[in-house]
N, C-alpha and C. Protein backbone atom coordinates (compact mmCIF):
# COMPACT_ATOMS: atom_id res chain seq x y z
N MET A 1 151.33 40.82 54.71
CA MET A 1 152.13 41.96 54.34
C MET A 1 152.31 42.91 55.52
N SER A 2 151.35 42.89 56.46
CA SER A 2 151.44 43.78 57.61
C SER A 2 150.59 43.23 58.75
N ARG A 3 150.71 43.86 59.89
CA ARG A 3 149.93 43.43 61.05
C ARG A 3 148.57 44.09 61.12
N ASN A 4 148.44 45.27 60.50
CA ASN A 4 147.15 45.96 60.53
C ASN A 4 146.96 46.78 59.26
N VAL A 5 145.78 47.36 59.13
CA VAL A 5 145.39 48.09 57.92
C VAL A 5 146.29 49.29 57.67
N ASP A 6 146.47 50.11 58.68
CA ASP A 6 147.25 51.34 58.49
C ASP A 6 148.69 51.04 58.09
N GLU A 7 149.29 50.07 58.77
CA GLU A 7 150.66 49.68 58.44
C GLU A 7 150.74 49.14 57.02
N GLY A 8 149.77 48.32 56.64
CA GLY A 8 149.76 47.73 55.30
C GLY A 8 149.58 48.77 54.22
N PHE A 9 148.68 49.72 54.45
CA PHE A 9 148.44 50.76 53.45
C PHE A 9 149.66 51.66 53.30
N CYS A 10 150.29 52.02 54.42
CA CYS A 10 151.51 52.85 54.35
C CYS A 10 152.62 52.12 53.61
N LEU A 11 152.79 50.83 53.90
CA LEU A 11 153.81 50.03 53.22
C LEU A 11 153.50 49.93 51.72
N TYR A 12 152.24 49.71 51.40
CA TYR A 12 151.81 49.64 50.00
C TYR A 12 152.20 50.92 49.27
N GLU A 13 151.84 52.07 49.84
CA GLU A 13 152.16 53.35 49.20
C GLU A 13 153.67 53.57 49.09
N GLU A 14 154.39 53.19 50.14
CA GLU A 14 155.84 53.36 50.13
C GLU A 14 156.47 52.54 49.01
N LEU A 15 156.08 51.29 48.90
CA LEU A 15 156.63 50.42 47.85
C LEU A 15 156.19 50.90 46.47
N TYR A 16 154.95 51.32 46.36
CA TYR A 16 154.45 51.85 45.09
C TYR A 16 155.28 53.05 44.65
N ASN A 17 155.52 53.96 45.57
CA ASN A 17 156.29 55.17 45.25
C ASN A 17 157.74 54.87 44.90
N LYS A 18 158.25 53.72 45.33
CA LYS A 18 159.61 53.31 44.96
C LYS A 18 159.64 52.57 43.62
N GLY A 19 158.47 52.38 43.02
CA GLY A 19 158.39 51.72 41.73
C GLY A 19 158.34 50.20 41.81
N ILE A 20 158.09 49.68 42.99
CA ILE A 20 158.01 48.23 43.18
C ILE A 20 156.60 47.76 42.82
N GLU A 21 156.52 46.74 42.00
CA GLU A 21 155.22 46.22 41.60
C GLU A 21 154.78 45.13 42.57
N LEU A 22 153.62 45.33 43.15
CA LEU A 22 153.04 44.35 44.06
C LEU A 22 151.93 43.60 43.34
N VAL A 23 151.93 42.28 43.50
CA VAL A 23 150.92 41.43 42.89
C VAL A 23 150.26 40.62 44.00
N PHE A 24 148.95 40.72 44.10
CA PHE A 24 148.19 40.00 45.11
C PHE A 24 147.40 38.90 44.42
N LEU A 25 147.70 37.66 44.74
CA LEU A 25 147.07 36.54 44.05
C LEU A 25 145.57 36.47 44.31
N LYS A 26 145.16 36.72 45.55
CA LYS A 26 143.74 36.62 45.90
C LYS A 26 143.01 37.95 45.75
N GLU A 27 143.73 39.04 45.59
CA GLU A 27 143.12 40.37 45.49
C GLU A 27 143.73 41.13 44.30
N PRO A 28 143.59 40.62 43.08
CA PRO A 28 144.26 41.28 41.94
C PRO A 28 143.80 42.71 41.69
N HIS A 29 142.63 43.08 42.19
CA HIS A 29 142.14 44.44 41.97
C HIS A 29 142.95 45.49 42.75
N ILE A 30 143.83 45.05 43.66
CA ILE A 30 144.68 46.02 44.37
C ILE A 30 146.15 45.91 43.96
N ASN A 31 146.44 45.14 42.91
CA ASN A 31 147.82 45.11 42.40
C ASN A 31 148.26 46.54 42.10
N THR A 32 149.53 46.82 42.25
CA THR A 32 150.01 48.17 41.99
C THR A 32 149.78 48.59 40.54
N SER A 33 149.75 47.63 39.63
CA SER A 33 149.49 47.98 38.23
C SER A 33 148.08 48.54 38.08
N THR A 34 147.13 48.02 38.84
CA THR A 34 145.76 48.52 38.81
C THR A 34 145.70 49.93 39.38
N TYR A 35 146.40 50.14 40.48
CA TYR A 35 146.46 51.45 41.12
C TYR A 35 147.12 52.46 40.17
N LYS A 36 148.16 52.03 39.50
CA LYS A 36 148.87 52.90 38.57
C LYS A 36 147.95 53.31 37.41
N LYS A 37 147.16 52.35 36.92
CA LYS A 37 146.22 52.66 35.85
C LYS A 37 145.22 53.71 36.30
N ALA A 38 144.77 53.61 37.54
CA ALA A 38 143.82 54.60 38.08
C ALA A 38 144.46 55.98 38.12
N LEU A 39 145.73 56.03 38.48
CA LEU A 39 146.44 57.31 38.52
C LEU A 39 146.62 57.89 37.12
N GLU A 40 146.94 57.03 36.19
CA GLU A 40 147.25 57.49 34.83
C GLU A 40 146.01 57.76 33.99
N SER A 41 144.86 57.25 34.41
CA SER A 41 143.66 57.40 33.59
C SER A 41 142.87 58.64 33.97
N ASN A 42 143.53 59.61 34.56
CA ASN A 42 142.85 60.86 34.89
C ASN A 42 142.24 61.47 33.64
N ILE A 43 141.12 62.08 33.83
CA ILE A 43 140.44 62.75 32.73
C ILE A 43 141.19 64.04 32.43
N SER A 44 141.45 64.29 31.15
CA SER A 44 142.21 65.47 30.74
C SER A 44 141.46 66.75 31.05
N MET A 45 142.20 67.73 31.55
CA MET A 45 141.63 69.03 31.84
C MET A 45 141.37 69.78 30.54
N THR A 46 140.34 70.60 30.55
CA THR A 46 139.95 71.32 29.34
C THR A 46 140.46 72.76 29.32
N GLY A 47 140.93 73.26 30.45
CA GLY A 47 141.37 74.64 30.50
C GLY A 47 140.21 75.61 30.68
N THR A 48 139.03 75.09 30.93
CA THR A 48 137.85 75.92 31.17
C THR A 48 137.34 75.66 32.58
N ASN A 49 136.23 76.26 32.91
CA ASN A 49 135.63 76.03 34.23
C ASN A 49 135.22 74.57 34.43
N VAL A 50 135.01 73.86 33.34
CA VAL A 50 134.69 72.44 33.43
C VAL A 50 135.85 71.69 34.08
N GLY A 51 137.05 72.26 33.97
CA GLY A 51 138.23 71.65 34.59
C GLY A 51 138.07 71.44 36.08
N PHE A 52 137.32 72.31 36.74
CA PHE A 52 137.08 72.15 38.18
C PHE A 52 136.29 70.87 38.45
N ILE A 53 135.32 70.61 37.60
CA ILE A 53 134.51 69.39 37.74
C ILE A 53 135.38 68.17 37.45
N LEU A 54 136.18 68.25 36.39
CA LEU A 54 137.03 67.12 36.02
C LEU A 54 138.07 66.85 37.11
N GLU A 55 138.59 67.89 37.70
CA GLU A 55 139.54 67.71 38.80
C GLU A 55 138.87 66.98 39.96
N GLY A 56 137.63 67.34 40.24
CA GLY A 56 136.88 66.65 41.29
C GLY A 56 136.66 65.18 40.97
N VAL A 57 136.35 64.88 39.71
CA VAL A 57 136.16 63.49 39.28
C VAL A 57 137.46 62.72 39.44
N ASN A 58 138.58 63.32 39.03
CA ASN A 58 139.88 62.66 39.16
C ASN A 58 140.20 62.36 40.63
N LYS A 59 139.96 63.33 41.48
CA LYS A 59 140.21 63.12 42.92
C LYS A 59 139.32 62.01 43.46
N TYR A 60 138.07 61.98 43.00
CA TYR A 60 137.15 60.94 43.43
C TYR A 60 137.65 59.55 42.99
N LEU A 61 138.11 59.43 41.75
CA LEU A 61 138.62 58.15 41.25
C LEU A 61 139.82 57.68 42.06
N MET A 62 140.71 58.62 42.41
CA MET A 62 141.88 58.25 43.22
C MET A 62 141.44 57.82 44.62
N SER A 63 140.50 58.55 45.17
CA SER A 63 139.98 58.21 46.49
C SER A 63 139.35 56.82 46.48
N LEU A 64 138.64 56.51 45.42
CA LEU A 64 138.01 55.20 45.27
C LEU A 64 139.06 54.09 45.20
N ALA A 65 140.14 54.32 44.45
CA ALA A 65 141.21 53.32 44.35
C ALA A 65 141.85 53.10 45.72
N LYS A 66 142.13 54.17 46.44
CA LYS A 66 142.72 54.04 47.78
C LYS A 66 141.79 53.30 48.72
N GLU A 67 140.51 53.57 48.62
CA GLU A 67 139.54 52.91 49.49
C GLU A 67 139.50 51.40 49.21
N GLN A 68 139.59 51.01 47.95
CA GLN A 68 139.61 49.58 47.61
C GLN A 68 140.82 48.89 48.22
N ILE A 69 141.96 49.57 48.20
CA ILE A 69 143.17 49.01 48.80
C ILE A 69 142.99 48.87 50.30
N ARG A 70 142.47 49.90 50.95
CA ARG A 70 142.25 49.85 52.40
C ARG A 70 141.27 48.73 52.76
N LEU A 71 140.19 48.59 51.98
CA LEU A 71 139.20 47.54 52.25
C LEU A 71 139.83 46.15 52.17
N ALA A 72 140.69 45.95 51.20
CA ALA A 72 141.35 44.65 51.06
C ALA A 72 142.22 44.37 52.27
N PHE A 73 142.95 45.38 52.74
CA PHE A 73 143.78 45.19 53.94
C PHE A 73 142.92 44.98 55.18
N GLU A 74 141.80 45.67 55.28
CA GLU A 74 140.90 45.46 56.42
C GLU A 74 140.36 44.04 56.43
N GLN A 75 139.98 43.53 55.27
CA GLN A 75 139.48 42.15 55.19
C GLN A 75 140.56 41.15 55.60
N SER A 76 141.78 41.39 55.15
CA SER A 76 142.88 40.49 55.51
C SER A 76 143.14 40.53 57.01
N GLU A 77 143.10 41.73 57.58
CA GLU A 77 143.31 41.86 59.03
C GLU A 77 142.23 41.12 59.80
N LYS A 78 140.98 41.23 59.34
CA LYS A 78 139.88 40.52 60.01
C LYS A 78 140.06 39.01 59.91
N GLU A 79 140.50 38.53 58.76
CA GLU A 79 140.72 37.09 58.60
C GLU A 79 141.79 36.59 59.57
N VAL A 80 142.86 37.37 59.74
CA VAL A 80 143.93 36.98 60.67
C VAL A 80 143.39 36.98 62.10
N GLN A 81 142.63 37.99 62.47
CA GLN A 81 142.06 38.05 63.82
C GLN A 81 141.13 36.87 64.07
N ASP A 82 140.30 36.54 63.08
CA ASP A 82 139.40 35.40 63.21
C ASP A 82 140.18 34.09 63.36
N LEU A 83 141.24 33.94 62.60
CA LEU A 83 142.08 32.74 62.69
C LEU A 83 142.71 32.63 64.07
N HIS A 84 143.22 33.73 64.60
CA HIS A 84 143.80 33.72 65.95
C HIS A 84 142.76 33.32 66.97
N GLN A 85 141.54 33.87 66.85
CA GLN A 85 140.46 33.55 67.79
C GLN A 85 140.08 32.08 67.72
N ARG A 86 139.94 31.54 66.51
CA ARG A 86 139.58 30.12 66.36
C ARG A 86 140.69 29.21 66.89
N THR A 87 141.93 29.59 66.65
CA THR A 87 143.06 28.81 67.15
C THR A 87 143.05 28.79 68.67
N LYS A 88 142.84 29.97 69.27
CA LYS A 88 142.79 30.08 70.73
C LYS A 88 141.67 29.22 71.29
N GLU A 89 140.49 29.29 70.67
CA GLU A 89 139.35 28.50 71.13
C GLU A 89 139.63 27.01 70.97
N GLY A 90 140.29 26.62 69.89
CA GLY A 90 140.62 25.21 69.69
C GLY A 90 141.60 24.70 70.73
N ILE A 91 142.59 25.51 71.06
CA ILE A 91 143.56 25.13 72.09
C ILE A 91 142.87 25.00 73.44
N GLU A 92 142.01 25.96 73.77
CA GLU A 92 141.30 25.92 75.05
C GLU A 92 140.39 24.70 75.15
N SER A 93 139.70 24.35 74.07
CA SER A 93 138.81 23.18 74.12
C SER A 93 139.62 21.90 74.20
N ARG A 94 140.78 21.87 73.59
CA ARG A 94 141.66 20.71 73.64
C ARG A 94 142.20 20.51 75.05
N ILE A 95 142.55 21.61 75.71
CA ILE A 95 143.07 21.54 77.09
C ILE A 95 142.00 21.00 78.01
N ARG A 96 140.73 21.42 77.82
CA ARG A 96 139.64 20.94 78.67
C ARG A 96 139.40 19.45 78.49
N LEU A 97 139.67 18.93 77.30
CA LEU A 97 139.47 17.50 77.05
C LEU A 97 140.54 16.64 77.70
N VAL A 98 141.71 17.21 77.89
CA VAL A 98 142.82 16.43 78.43
C VAL A 98 142.76 16.33 79.89
């Protein structure tokens, strides 16, 4: 989906904000529907001082959802980097054999 974590996360948010549903076959926990549920499942404010605590909990839940998305993109970026490194090493070892 992207070349790096930051680019992927920005693209994810951009597409999400446009109402585009993203489905990840290997990472279903970061599907946009999951993210949307996290946004919509905010705890209702009470109109009292407890509302400050609930607002903090809601912000924490959103932060947690964003972190899960970033972690998934970081893992994907690492897998791509590892694949490039192994491919490079394979080509170099093949050249030495020839």
